[in-house]
PDB file of N, CA and C in Angstrom:
ATOM      1  N   UNK A   1      35.170 -12.061 -13.016  1.00  0.00           N
ATOM      2  CA  UNK A   1      34.797 -11.555 -11.708  1.00  0.00           C
ATOM      3  C   UNK A   1      35.922 -11.877 -10.734  1.00  0.00           C
ATOM      4  N   UNK A   2      36.340 -10.895 -10.022  1.00  0.00           N
ATOM      5  CA  UNK A   2      37.415 -11.064  -9.052  1.00  0.00           C
ATOM      6  C   UNK A   2      36.799 -11.364  -7.686  1.00  0.00           C
ATOM      7  N   UNK A   3      36.976 -12.607  -7.207  1.00  0.00           N
ATOM      8  CA  UNK A   3      36.376 -13.022  -5.942  1.00  0.00           C
ATOM      9  C   UNK A   3      37.128 -12.495  -4.728  1.00  0.00           C
ATOM     10  N   UNK A   4      38.267 -11.897  -4.941  1.00  0.00           N
ATOM     11  CA  UNK A   4      39.019 -11.335  -3.817  1.00  0.00           C
ATOM     12  C   UNK A   4      38.491  -9.967  -3.412  1.00  0.00           C
ATOM     13  N   UNK A   5      37.768  -9.331  -4.305  1.00  0.00           N
ATOM     14  CA  UNK A   5      37.194  -8.020  -4.004  1.00  0.00           C
ATOM     15  C   UNK A   5      35.919  -8.203  -3.177  1.00  0.00           C
ATOM     16  N   UNK A   6      35.713  -7.345  -2.195  1.00  0.00           N
ATOM     17  CA  UNK A   6      34.478  -7.462  -1.409  1.00  0.00           C
ATOM     18  C   UNK A   6      33.259  -7.177  -2.278  1.00  0.00           C
ATOM     19  N   UNK A   7      32.201  -7.889  -1.984  1.00  0.00           N
ATOM     20  CA  UNK A   7      30.951  -7.709  -2.711  1.00  0.00           C
ATOM     21  C   UNK A   7      30.320  -6.381  -2.311  1.00  0.00           C
ATOM     22  N   UNK A   8      29.909  -5.632  -3.288  1.00  0.00           N
ATOM     23  CA  UNK A   8      29.251  -4.357  -3.011  1.00  0.00           C
ATOM     24  C   UNK A   8      27.756  -4.529  -3.225  1.00  0.00           C
ATOM     25  N   UNK A   9      27.035  -4.320  -2.157  1.00  0.00           N
ATOM     26  CA  UNK A   9      25.588  -4.452  -2.198  1.00  0.00           C
ATOM     27  C   UNK A   9      24.976  -3.225  -2.859  1.00  0.00           C
ATOM     28  N   UNK A  10      24.123  -3.450  -3.797  1.00  0.00           N
ATOM     29  CA  UNK A  10      23.424  -2.358  -4.462  1.00  0.00           C
ATOM     30  C   UNK A  10      22.215  -1.994  -3.610  1.00  0.00           C
ATOM     31  N   UNK A  11      22.276  -0.868  -2.934  1.00  0.00           N
ATOM     32  CA  UNK A  11      21.218  -0.508  -1.991  1.00  0.00           C
ATOM     33  C   UNK A  11      20.037   0.211  -2.633  1.00  0.00           C
ATOM     34  N   UNK A  12      20.063   0.390  -3.939  1.00  0.00           N
ATOM     35  CA  UNK A  12      18.922   1.045  -4.571  1.00  0.00           C
ATOM     36  C   UNK A  12      17.787   0.037  -4.710  1.00  0.00           C
ATOM     37  N   UNK A  13      16.609   0.468  -4.364  1.00  0.00           N
ATOM     38  CA  UNK A  13      15.446  -0.408  -4.436  1.00  0.00           C
ATOM     39  C   UNK A  13      14.714  -0.184  -5.746  1.00  0.00           C
ATOM     40  N   UNK A  14      14.166  -1.247  -6.267  1.00  0.00           N
ATOM     41  CA  UNK A  14      13.356  -1.126  -7.472  1.00  0.00           C
ATOM     42  C   UNK A  14      12.029  -0.466  -7.114  1.00  0.00           C
ATOM     43  N   UNK A  15      11.508   0.370  -7.983  1.00  0.00           N
ATOM     44  CA  UNK A  15      10.202   0.980  -7.691  1.00  0.00           C
ATOM     45  C   UNK A  15       9.099  -0.080  -7.764  1.00  0.00           C
ATOM     46  N   UNK A  16       8.051   0.131  -7.008  1.00  0.00           N
ATOM     47  CA  UNK A  16       6.921  -0.790  -7.023  1.00  0.00           C
ATOM     48  C   UNK A  16       6.078  -0.552  -8.268  1.00  0.00           C
ATOM     49  N   UNK A  17       5.370  -1.599  -8.688  1.00  0.00           N
ATOM     50  CA  UNK A  17       4.445  -1.477  -9.815  1.00  0.00           C
ATOM     51  C   UNK A  17       3.060  -1.176  -9.251  1.00  0.00           C
ATOM     52  N   UNK A  18       2.389  -0.227  -9.877  1.00  0.00           N
ATOM     53  CA  UNK A  18       1.053   0.176  -9.455  1.00  0.00           C
ATOM     54  C   UNK A  18       0.124   0.139 -10.662  1.00  0.00           C
ATOM     55  N   UNK A  19      -1.090  -0.386 -10.484  1.00  0.00           N
ATOM     56  CA  UNK A  19      -2.022  -0.399 -11.614  1.00  0.00           C
ATOM     57  C   UNK A  19      -2.523   1.009 -11.927  1.00  0.00           C
ATOM     58  N   UNK A  20      -2.866   1.226 -13.177  1.00  0.00           N
ATOM     59  CA  UNK A  20      -3.480   2.500 -13.561  1.00  0.00           C
ATOM     60  C   UNK A  20      -4.940   2.468 -13.106  1.00  0.00           C
ATOM     61  N   UNK A  21      -5.588   3.622 -12.958  1.00  0.00           N
ATOM     62  CA  UNK A  21      -6.996   3.624 -12.534  1.00  0.00           C
ATOM     63  C   UNK A  21      -7.909   2.781 -13.435  1.00  0.00           C
ATOM     64  N   UNK A  22      -7.592   2.692 -14.712  1.00  0.00           N
ATOM     65  CA  UNK A  22      -8.402   1.872 -15.618  1.00  0.00           C
ATOM     66  C   UNK A  22      -8.296   0.389 -15.278  1.00  0.00           C
ATOM     67  N   UNK A  23      -7.217   0.000 -14.602  1.00  0.00           N
ATOM     68  CA  UNK A  23      -7.011  -1.405 -14.241  1.00  0.00           C
ATOM     69  C   UNK A  23      -7.618  -1.775 -12.889  1.00  0.00           C
ATOM     70  N   UNK A  24      -8.114  -0.797 -12.131  1.00  0.00           N
ATOM     71  CA  UNK A  24      -8.756  -1.098 -10.847  1.00  0.00           C
ATOM     72  C   UNK A  24     -10.006  -1.928 -11.110  1.00  0.00           C
ATOM     73  N   UNK A  25     -10.203  -2.978 -10.319  1.00  0.00           N
ATOM     74  CA  UNK A  25     -11.449  -3.739 -10.410  1.00  0.00           C
ATOM     75  C   UNK A  25     -12.137  -3.704  -9.052  1.00  0.00           C
ATOM     76  N   UNK A  26     -13.452  -3.704  -9.088  1.00  0.00           N
ATOM     77  CA  UNK A  26     -14.232  -3.670  -7.856  1.00  0.00           C
ATOM     78  C   UNK A  26     -13.924  -4.893  -6.997  1.00  0.00           C
ATOM     79  N   UNK A  27     -13.759  -6.043  -7.626  1.00  0.00           N
ATOM     80  CA  UNK A  27     -13.474  -7.273  -6.884  1.00  0.00           C
ATOM     81  C   UNK A  27     -12.171  -7.162  -6.096  1.00  0.00           C
ATOM     82  N   UNK A  28     -11.124  -6.639  -6.723  1.00  0.00           N
ATOM     83  CA  UNK A  28      -9.833  -6.501  -6.028  1.00  0.00           C
ATOM     84  C   UNK A  28      -9.902  -5.486  -4.896  1.00  0.00           C
ATOM     85  N   UNK A  29     -10.599  -4.386  -5.124  1.00  0.00           N
ATOM     86  CA  UNK A  29     -10.718  -3.356  -4.089  1.00  0.00           C
ATOM     87  C   UNK A  29     -11.476  -3.910  -2.888  1.00  0.00           C
ATOM     88  N   UNK A  30     -12.607  -4.572  -3.140  1.00  0.00           N
ATOM     89  CA  UNK A  30     -13.393  -5.120  -2.031  1.00  0.00           C
ATOM     90  C   UNK A  30     -12.636  -6.233  -1.318  1.00  0.00           C
ATOM     91  N   UNK A  31     -11.916  -7.066  -2.074  1.00  0.00           N
ATOM     92  CA  UNK A  31     -11.104  -8.108  -1.443  1.00  0.00           C
ATOM     93  C   UNK A  31     -10.031  -7.479  -0.559  1.00  0.00           C
ATOM     94  N   UNK A  32      -9.369  -6.449  -1.056  1.00  0.00           N
ATOM     95  CA  UNK A  32      -8.306  -5.795  -0.284  1.00  0.00           C
ATOM     96  C   UNK A  32      -8.853  -5.212   1.012  1.00  0.00           C
ATOM     97  N   UNK A  33     -10.052  -4.680   0.972  1.00  0.00           N
ATOM     98  CA  UNK A  33     -10.641  -4.058   2.157  1.00  0.00           C
ATOM     99  C   UNK A  33     -11.356  -5.052   3.066  1.00  0.00           C
ATOM    100  N   UNK A  34     -11.409  -6.326   2.676  1.00  0.00           N
ATOM    101  CA  UNK A  34     -12.106  -7.327   3.491  1.00  0.00           C
ATOM    102  C   UNK A  34     -11.288  -7.796   4.689  1.00  0.00           C
ATOM    103  N   UNK A  35      -9.999  -7.529   4.699  1.00  0.00           N
ATOM    104  CA  UNK A  35      -9.144  -7.932   5.816  1.00  0.00           C
ATOM    105  C   UNK A  35      -9.075  -6.798   6.844  1.00  0.00           C
ATOM    106  N   UNK A  36      -9.238  -7.104   8.133  1.00  0.00           N
ATOM    107  CA  UNK A  36      -9.218  -6.047   9.158  1.00  0.00           C
ATOM    108  C   UNK A  36      -7.921  -5.230   9.206  1.00  0.00           C
ATOM    109  N   UNK A  37      -6.770  -5.865   9.019  1.00  0.00           N
ATOM    110  CA  UNK A  37      -5.508  -5.114   9.047  1.00  0.00           C
ATOM    111  C   UNK A  37      -5.409  -4.183   7.844  1.00  0.00           C
ATOM    112  N   UNK A  38      -5.767  -4.683   6.667  1.00  0.00           N
ATOM    113  CA  UNK A  38      -5.707  -3.832   5.475  1.00  0.00           C
ATOM    114  C   UNK A  38      -6.695  -2.673   5.582  1.00  0.00           C
ATOM    115  N   UNK A  39      -7.870  -2.936   6.122  1.00  0.00           N
ATOM    116  CA  UNK A  39      -8.843  -1.863   6.322  1.00  0.00           C
ATOM    117  C   UNK A  39      -8.305  -0.835   7.314  1.00  0.00           C
ATOM    118  N   UNK A  40      -7.626  -1.297   8.360  1.00  0.00           N
ATOM    119  CA  UNK A  40      -7.031  -0.379   9.344  1.00  0.00           C
ATOM    120  C   UNK A  40      -5.933   0.467   8.706  1.00  0.00           C
ATOM    121  N   UNK A  41      -5.141  -0.133   7.821  1.00  0.00           N
ATOM    122  CA  UNK A  41      -4.087   0.611   7.119  1.00  0.00           C
ATOM    123  C   UNK A  41      -4.714   1.709   6.259  1.00  0.00           C
ATOM    124  N   UNK A  42      -5.746   1.357   5.515  1.00  0.00           N
ATOM    125  CA  UNK A  42      -6.426   2.335   4.656  1.00  0.00           C
ATOM    126  C   UNK A  42      -7.068   3.424   5.506  1.00  0.00           C
ATOM    127  N   UNK A  43      -7.665   3.035   6.622  1.00  0.00           N
ATOM    128  CA  UNK A  43      -8.282   4.022   7.517  1.00  0.00           C
ATOM    129  C   UNK A  43      -7.233   5.000   8.045  1.00  0.00           C
ATOM    130  N   UNK A  44      -6.069   4.492   8.454  1.00  0.00           N
ATOM    131  CA  UNK A  44      -4.981   5.370   8.929  1.00  0.00           C
ATOM    132  C   UNK A  44      -4.518   6.318   7.834  1.00  0.00           C
ATOM    133  N   UNK A  45      -4.363   5.794   6.622  1.00  0.00           N
ATOM    134  CA  UNK A  45      -3.896   6.632   5.521  1.00  0.00           C
ATOM    135  C   UNK A  45      -4.957   7.624   5.052  1.00  0.00           C
ATOM    136  N   UNK A  46      -6.214   7.372   5.379  1.00  0.00           N
ATOM    137  CA  UNK A  46      -7.248   8.347   5.022  1.00  0.00           C
ATOM    138  C   UNK A  46      -7.176   9.574   5.924  1.00  0.00           C
ATOM    139  N   UNK A  47      -6.565   9.414   7.106  1.00  0.00           N
ATOM    140  CA  UNK A  47      -6.394  10.524   8.043  1.00  0.00           C
ATOM    141  C   UNK A  47      -5.042  11.199   7.823  1.00  0.00           C
ATOM    142  N   UNK A  48      -3.975  10.372   7.740  1.00  0.00           N
ATOM    143  CA  UNK A  48      -2.629  10.886   7.471  1.00  0.00           C
ATOM    144  C   UNK A  48      -2.450  10.962   5.963  1.00  0.00           C
ATOM    145  N   UNK A  49      -1.648  11.884   5.509  1.00  0.00           N
ATOM    146  CA  UNK A  49      -1.408  11.966   4.069  1.00  0.00           C
ATOM    147  C   UNK A  49      -0.520  10.818   3.600  1.00  0.00           C
ATOM    148  N   UNK A  50       0.499  10.512   4.383  1.00  0.00           N
ATOM    149  CA  UNK A  50       1.395   9.403   4.051  1.00  0.00           C
ATOM    150  C   UNK A  50       1.997   8.851   5.331  1.00  0.00           C
ATOM    151  N   UNK A  51       2.473   7.609   5.249  1.00  0.00           N
ATOM    152  CA  UNK A  51       3.081   6.963   6.413  1.00  0.00           C
ATOM    153  C   UNK A  51       4.020   5.867   5.933  1.00  0.00           C
ATOM    154  N   UNK A  52       4.999   5.539   6.768  1.00  0.00           N
ATOM    155  CA  UNK A  52       5.927   4.454   6.450  1.00  0.00           C
ATOM    156  C   UNK A  52       5.279   3.122   6.809  1.00  0.00           C
ATOM    157  N   UNK A  53       5.843   2.047   6.291  1.00  0.00           N
ATOM    158  CA  UNK A  53       5.325   0.714   6.592  1.00  0.00           C
ATOM    159  C   UNK A  53       5.395   0.424   8.087  1.00  0.00           C
ATOM    160  N   UNK A  54       6.481   0.823   8.725  1.00  0.00           N
ATOM    161  CA  UNK A  54       6.634   0.533  10.155  1.00  0.00           C
ATOM    162  C   UNK A  54       5.610   1.287  10.999  1.00  0.00           C
ATOM    163  N   UNK A  55       5.134   2.423  10.530  1.00  0.00           N
ATOM    164  CA  UNK A  55       4.097   3.162  11.254  1.00  0.00           C
ATOM    165  C   UNK A  55       2.732   2.490  11.132  1.00  0.00           C
ATOM    166  N   UNK A  56       2.579   1.631  10.137  1.00  0.00           N
ATOM    167  CA  UNK A  56       1.280   1.027   9.849  1.00  0.00           C
ATOM    168  C   UNK A  56       1.232  -0.476  10.086  1.00  0.00           C
ATOM    169  N   UNK A  57       2.308  -1.072  10.582  1.00  0.00           N
ATOM    170  CA  UNK A  57       2.375  -2.534  10.642  1.00  0.00           C
ATOM    171  C   UNK A  57       1.554  -3.175  11.750  1.00  0.00           C
ATOM    172  N   UNK A  58       1.108  -2.413  12.724  1.00  0.00           N
ATOM    173  CA  UNK A  58       0.288  -2.973  13.794  1.00  0.00           C
ATOM    174  C   UNK A  58       1.001  -4.018  14.623  1.00  0.00           C
ATOM    175  N   UNK A  59       2.336  -3.995  14.635  1.00  0.00           N
ATOM    176  CA  UNK A  59       3.100  -4.961  15.420  1.00  0.00           C
ATOM    177  C   UNK A  59       3.145  -6.358  14.830  1.00  0.00           C
ATOM    178  N   UNK A  60       2.755  -6.501  13.590  1.00  0.00           N
ATOM    179  CA  UNK A  60       2.745  -7.811  12.935  1.00  0.00           C
ATOM    180  C   UNK A  60       4.106  -8.109  12.314  1.00  0.00           C
ATOM    181  N   UNK A  61       4.380  -9.398  12.019  1.00  0.00           N
ATOM    182  CA  UNK A  61       5.654  -9.762  11.377  1.00  0.00           C
ATOM    183  C   UNK A  61       5.792  -9.110  10.000  1.00  0.00           C
ATOM    184  N   UNK A  62       7.023  -8.805   9.633  1.00  0.00           N
ATOM    185  CA  UNK A  62       7.301  -8.116   8.370  1.00  0.00           C
ATOM    186  C   UNK A  62       6.771  -8.888   7.162  1.00  0.00           C
ATOM    187  N   UNK A  63       6.902 -10.221   7.176  1.00  0.00           N
ATOM    188  CA  UNK A  63       6.445 -11.018   6.033  1.00  0.00           C
ATOM    189  C   UNK A  63       4.935 -10.902   5.852  1.00  0.00           C
ATOM    190  N   UNK A  64       4.199 -10.913   6.944  1.00  0.00           N
ATOM    191  CA  UNK A  64       2.742 -10.783   6.882  1.00  0.00           C
ATOM    192  C   UNK A  64       2.340  -9.396   6.397  1.00  0.00           C
ATOM    193  N   UNK A  65       2.992  -8.383   6.937  1.00  0.00           N
ATOM    194  CA  UNK A  65       2.673  -7.003   6.568  1.00  0.00           C
ATOM    195  C   UNK A  65       3.019  -6.742   5.103  1.00  0.00           C
ATOM    196  N   UNK A  66       4.121  -7.284   4.627  1.00  0.00           N
ATOM    197  CA  UNK A  66       4.504  -7.119   3.216  1.00  0.00           C
ATOM    198  C   UNK A  66       3.415  -7.648   2.294  1.00  0.00           C
ATOM    199  N   UNK A  67       2.848  -8.787   2.663  1.00  0.00           N
ATOM    200  CA  UNK A  67       1.759  -9.367   1.870  1.00  0.00           C
ATOM    201  C   UNK A  67       0.566  -8.413   1.822  1.00  0.00           C
ATOM    202  N   UNK A  68       0.187  -7.860   2.968  1.00  0.00           N
ATOM    203  CA  UNK A  68      -0.965  -6.962   3.026  1.00  0.00           C
ATOM    204  C   UNK A  68      -0.730  -5.692   2.205  1.00  0.00           C
ATOM    205  N   UNK A  69       0.481  -5.143   2.264  1.00  0.00           N
ATOM    206  CA  UNK A  69       0.781  -3.957   1.464  1.00  0.00           C
ATOM    207  C   UNK A  69       0.738  -4.285  -0.030  1.00  0.00           C
ATOM    208  N   UNK A  70       1.194  -5.475  -0.405  1.00  0.00           N
ATOM    209  CA  UNK A  70       1.154  -5.875  -1.816  1.00  0.00           C
ATOM    210  C   UNK A  70      -0.291  -5.981  -2.309  1.00  0.00           C
ATOM    211  N   UNK A  71      -1.166  -6.581  -1.487  1.00  0.00           N
ATOM    212  CA  UNK A  71      -2.580  -6.694  -1.868  1.00  0.00           C
ATOM    213  C   UNK A  71      -3.193  -5.306  -2.053  1.00  0.00           C
ATOM    214  N   UNK A  72      -2.878  -4.390  -1.142  1.00  0.00           N
ATOM    215  CA  UNK A  72      -3.401  -3.019  -1.253  1.00  0.00           C
ATOM    216  C   UNK A  72      -2.854  -2.306  -2.488  1.00  0.00           C
ATOM    217  N   UNK A  73      -1.562  -2.516  -2.799  1.00  0.00           N
ATOM    218  CA  UNK A  73      -0.970  -1.915  -4.005  1.00  0.00           C
ATOM    219  C   UNK A  73      -1.605  -2.496  -5.259  1.00  0.00           C
ATOM    220  N   UNK A  74      -1.731  -3.827  -5.305  1.00  0.00           N
ATOM    221  CA  UNK A  74      -2.275  -4.491  -6.491  1.00  0.00           C
ATOM    222  C   UNK A  74      -3.727  -4.102  -6.766  1.00  0.00           C
ATOM    223  N   UNK A  75      -4.461  -3.768  -5.718  1.00  0.00           N
ATOM    224  CA  UNK A  75      -5.861  -3.367  -5.899  1.00  0.00           C
ATOM    225  C   UNK A  75      -5.977  -1.929  -6.389  1.00  0.00           C
ATOM    226  N   UNK A  76      -4.909  -1.145  -6.197  1.00  0.00           N
ATOM    227  CA  UNK A  76      -4.927   0.255  -6.596  1.00  0.00           C
ATOM    228  C   UNK A  76      -5.178   1.214  -5.451  1.00  0.00           C
ATOM    229  N   UNK A  77      -5.422   0.692  -4.259  1.00  0.00           N
ATOM    230  CA  UNK A  77      -5.719   1.551  -3.114  1.00  0.00           C
ATOM    231  C   UNK A  77      -4.506   2.296  -2.587  1.00  0.00           C
ATOM    232  N   UNK A  78      -3.335   1.720  -2.770  1.00  0.00           N
ATOM    233  CA  UNK A  78      -2.136   2.236  -2.120  1.00  0.00           C
ATOM    234  C   UNK A  78      -1.051   2.539  -3.140  1.00  0.00           C
ATOM    235  N   UNK A  79      -0.338   3.621  -2.934  1.00  0.00           N
ATOM    236  CA  UNK A  79       0.858   3.933  -3.718  1.00  0.00           C
ATOM    237  C   UNK A  79       2.038   3.925  -2.763  1.00  0.00           C
ATOM    238  N   UNK A  80       3.060   3.146  -3.093  1.00  0.00           N
ATOM    239  CA  UNK A  80       4.254   3.048  -2.260  1.00  0.00           C
ATOM    240  C   UNK A  80       5.443   3.554  -3.048  1.00  0.00           C
ATOM    241  N   UNK A  81       6.204   4.460  -2.446  1.00  0.00           N
ATOM    242  CA  UNK A  81       7.424   4.966  -3.070  1.00  0.00           C
ATOM    243  C   UNK A  81       8.590   4.725  -2.119  1.00  0.00           C
ATOM    244  N   UNK A  82       9.784   4.736  -2.677  1.00  0.00           N
ATOM    245  CA  UNK A  82      10.992   4.514  -1.886  1.00  0.00           C
ATOM    246  C   UNK A  82      11.658   5.837  -1.561  1.00  0.00           C
ATOM    247  N   UNK A  83      12.099   5.942  -0.327  1.00  0.00           N
ATOM    248  CA  UNK A  83      12.909   7.075   0.106  1.00  0.00           C
ATOM    249  C   UNK A  83      14.097   6.472   0.844  1.00  0.00           C
ATOM    250  N   UNK A  84      15.181   6.224   0.100  1.00  0.00           N
ATOM    251  CA  UNK A  84      16.308   5.489   0.685  1.00  0.00           C
ATOM    252  C   UNK A  84      15.883   4.048   0.909  1.00  0.00           C
ATOM    253  N   UNK A  85      15.932   3.594   2.151  1.00  0.00           N
ATOM    254  CA  UNK A  85      15.495   2.230   2.472  1.00  0.00           C
ATOM    255  C   UNK A  85      14.114   2.217   3.117  1.00  0.00           C
ATOM    256  N   UNK A  86      13.440   3.339   3.097  1.00  0.00           N
ATOM    257  CA  UNK A  86      12.116   3.454   3.710  1.00  0.00           C
ATOM    258  C   UNK A  86      11.042   3.471   2.632  1.00  0.00           C
ATOM    259  N   UNK A  87       9.952   2.757   2.881  1.00  0.00           N
ATOM    260  CA  UNK A  87       8.801   2.769   1.979  1.00  0.00           C
ATOM    261  C   UNK A  87       7.790   3.777   2.504  1.00  0.00           C
ATOM    262  N   UNK A  88       7.402   4.708   1.652  1.00  0.00           N
ATOM    263  CA  UNK A  88       6.409   5.720   1.995  1.00  0.00           C
ATOM    264  C   UNK A  88       5.103   5.351   1.289  1.00  0.00           C
ATOM    265  N   UNK A  89       4.028   5.238   2.056  1.00  0.00           N
ATOM    266  CA  UNK A  89       2.728   4.831   1.527  1.00  0.00           C
ATOM    267  C   UNK A  89       1.747   5.987   1.570  1.00  0.00           C
ATOM    268  N   UNK A  90       0.919   6.054   0.534  1.00  0.00           N
ATOM    269  CA  UNK A  90      -0.166   7.033   0.527  1.00  0.00           C
ATOM    270  C   UNK A  90      -1.380   6.396  -0.138  1.00  0.00           C
ATOM    271  N   UNK A  91      -2.533   6.845   0.283  1.00  0.00           N
ATOM    272  CA  UNK A  91      -3.791   6.359  -0.257  1.00  0.00           C
ATOM    273  C   UNK A  91      -4.049   7.021  -1.608  1.00  0.00           C
ATOM    274  N   UNK A  92      -4.469   6.244  -2.578  1.00  0.00           N
ATOM    275  CA  UNK A  92      -4.774   6.780  -3.911  1.00  0.00           C
ATOM    276  C   UNK A  92      -6.250   7.191  -3.966  1.00  0.00           C
ATOM    277  N   UNK A  93      -6.618   8.088  -3.085  1.00  0.00           N
ATOM    278  CA  UNK A  93      -8.018   8.486  -2.916  1.00  0.00           C
ATOM    279  C   UNK A  93      -8.608   9.099  -4.193  1.00  0.00           C
ATOM    280  N   UNK A  94      -7.902  10.025  -4.813  1.00  0.00           N
ATOM    281  CA  UNK A  94      -8.472  10.698  -5.994  1.00  0.00           C
ATOM    282  C   UNK A  94      -8.651   9.728  -7.156  1.00  0.00           C
ATOM    283  N   UNK A  95      -7.684   8.828  -7.363  1.00  0.00           N
ATOM    284  CA  UNK A  95      -7.813   7.842  -8.439  1.00  0.00           C
ATOM    285  C   UNK A  95      -8.965   6.878  -8.155  1.00  0.00           C
ATOM    286  N   UNK A  96      -9.110   6.487  -6.875  1.00  0.00           N
ATOM    287  CA  UNK A  96     -10.191   5.585  -6.493  1.00  0.00           C
ATOM    288  C   UNK A  96     -11.548   6.286  -6.660  1.00  0.00           C
ATOM    289  N   UNK A  97     -11.606   7.565  -6.302  1.00  0.00           N
ATOM    290  CA  UNK A  97     -12.840   8.347  -6.453  1.00  0.00           C
ATOM    291  C   UNK A  97     -13.210   8.488  -7.930  1.00  0.00           C
ATOM    292  N   UNK A  98     -12.202   8.645  -8.765  1.00  0.00           N
ATOM    293  CA  UNK A  98     -12.434   8.766 -10.210  1.00  0.00           C
ATOM    294  C   UNK A  98     -13.008   7.465 -10.773  1.00  0.00           C
ATOM    295  N   UNK A  99     -12.471   6.337 -10.340  1.00  0.00           N
ATOM    296  CA  UNK A  99     -12.885   5.032 -10.875  1.00  0.00           C
ATOM    297  C   UNK A  99     -14.190   4.535 -10.250  1.00  0.00           C
ATOM    298  N   UNK A 100     -14.301   4.658  -8.921  1.00  0.00           N
ATOM    299  CA  UNK A 100     -15.481   4.189  -8.190  1.00  0.00           C
ATOM    300  C   UNK A 100     -15.987   5.318  -7.287  1.00  0.00           C
ATOM    301  N   UNK A 101     -16.743   6.266  -7.845  1.00  0.00           N
ATOM    302  CA  UNK A 101     -17.178   7.432  -7.068  1.00  0.00           C
ATOM    303  C   UNK A 101     -17.939   7.046  -5.791  1.00  0.00           C
ATOM    304  N   UNK A 102     -17.468   7.579  -4.662  1.00  0.00           N
ATOM    305  CA  UNK A 102     -18.137   7.393  -3.381  1.00  0.00           C
ATOM    306  C   UNK A 102     -17.865   6.086  -2.664  1.00  0.00           C
ATOM    307  N   UNK A 103     -17.251   5.116  -3.334  1.00  0.00           N
ATOM    308  CA  UNK A 103     -17.051   3.794  -2.728  1.00  0.00           C
ATOM    309  C   UNK A 103     -16.160   3.856  -1.494  1.00  0.00           C
ATOM    310  N   UNK A 104     -15.001   4.441  -1.626  1.00  0.00           N
ATOM    311  CA  UNK A 104     -14.051   4.469  -0.515  1.00  0.00           C
ATOM    312  C   UNK A 104     -14.610   5.245   0.672  1.00  0.00           C
ATOM    313  N   UNK A 105     -15.240   6.378   0.417  1.00  0.00           N
ATOM    314  CA  UNK A 105     -15.830   7.166   1.502  1.00  0.00           C
ATOM    315  C   UNK A 105     -16.934   6.386   2.214  1.00  0.00           C
ATOM    316  N   UNK A 106     -17.750   5.671   1.457  1.00  0.00           N
ATOM    317  CA  UNK A 106     -18.831   4.884   2.055  1.00  0.00           C
ATOM    318  C   UNK A 106     -18.277   3.770   2.939  1.00  0.00           C
ATOM    319  N   UNK A 107     -17.261   3.080   2.462  1.00  0.00           N
ATOM    320  CA  UNK A 107     -16.672   1.990   3.244  1.00  0.00           C
ATOM    321  C   UNK A 107     -15.990   2.529   4.489  1.00  0.00           C
ATOM    322  N   UNK A 108     -15.238   3.606   4.346  1.00  0.00           N
ATOM    323  CA  UNK A 108     -14.531   4.164   5.504  1.00  0.00           C
ATOM    324  C   UNK A 108     -15.494   4.743   6.534  1.00  0.00           C
ATOM    325  N   UNK A 109     -16.600   5.317   6.096  1.00  0.00           N
ATOM    326  CA  UNK A 109     -17.560   5.858   7.065  1.00  0.00           C
ATOM    327  C   UNK A 109     -18.252   4.731   7.824  1.00  0.00           C
ATOM    328  N   UNK A 110     -18.516   3.612   7.173  1.00  0.00           N
ATOM    329  CA  UNK A 110     -19.116   2.462   7.855  1.00  0.00           C
ATOM    330  C   UNK A 110     -18.116   1.786   8.781  1.00  0.00           C
ATOM    331  N   UNK A 111     -16.860   1.739   8.372  1.00  0.00           N
ATOM    332  CA  UNK A 111     -15.821   1.098   9.191  1.00  0.00           C
ATOM    333  C   UNK A 111     -15.554   1.894  10.456  1.00  0.00           C
ATOM    334  N   UNK A 112     -15.787   3.199  10.409  1.00  0.00           N
ATOM    335  CA  UNK A 112     -15.527   4.052  11.570  1.00  0.00           C
ATOM    336  C   UNK A 112     -16.608   3.906  12.639  1.00  0.00           C
ATOM    337  N   UNK A 113     -17.772   3.411  12.268  1.00  0.00           N
ATOM    338  CA  UNK A 113     -18.882   3.289  13.232  1.00  0.00           C
ATOM    339  C   UNK A 113     -18.759   2.080  14.112  1.00  0.00           C
TER     340      UNK A 113
END
């Protein structure tokens, strides 16, 4: 390795890991939706088709928001893809409906009241 050469940063981001619908568990989904910020993120994405992390952060610190997005991804509620250095999020509504019919709609309708 030649230390005189400037370091070149690899700007490509690794794709996120997402569980398959068969791996969704009711406990993880309900836990993910038990936090007010995560519920607000899901509610926003139920209206918008997709949104960036900065559009959904609610003015919270990046470290806190990253944790909430990870919990939502791990539960299966959220799909995050990379577009350059931007994370694009979308709700996995059809997969959630397939695994737990009516659950997401019931929770979102109660949260809206």
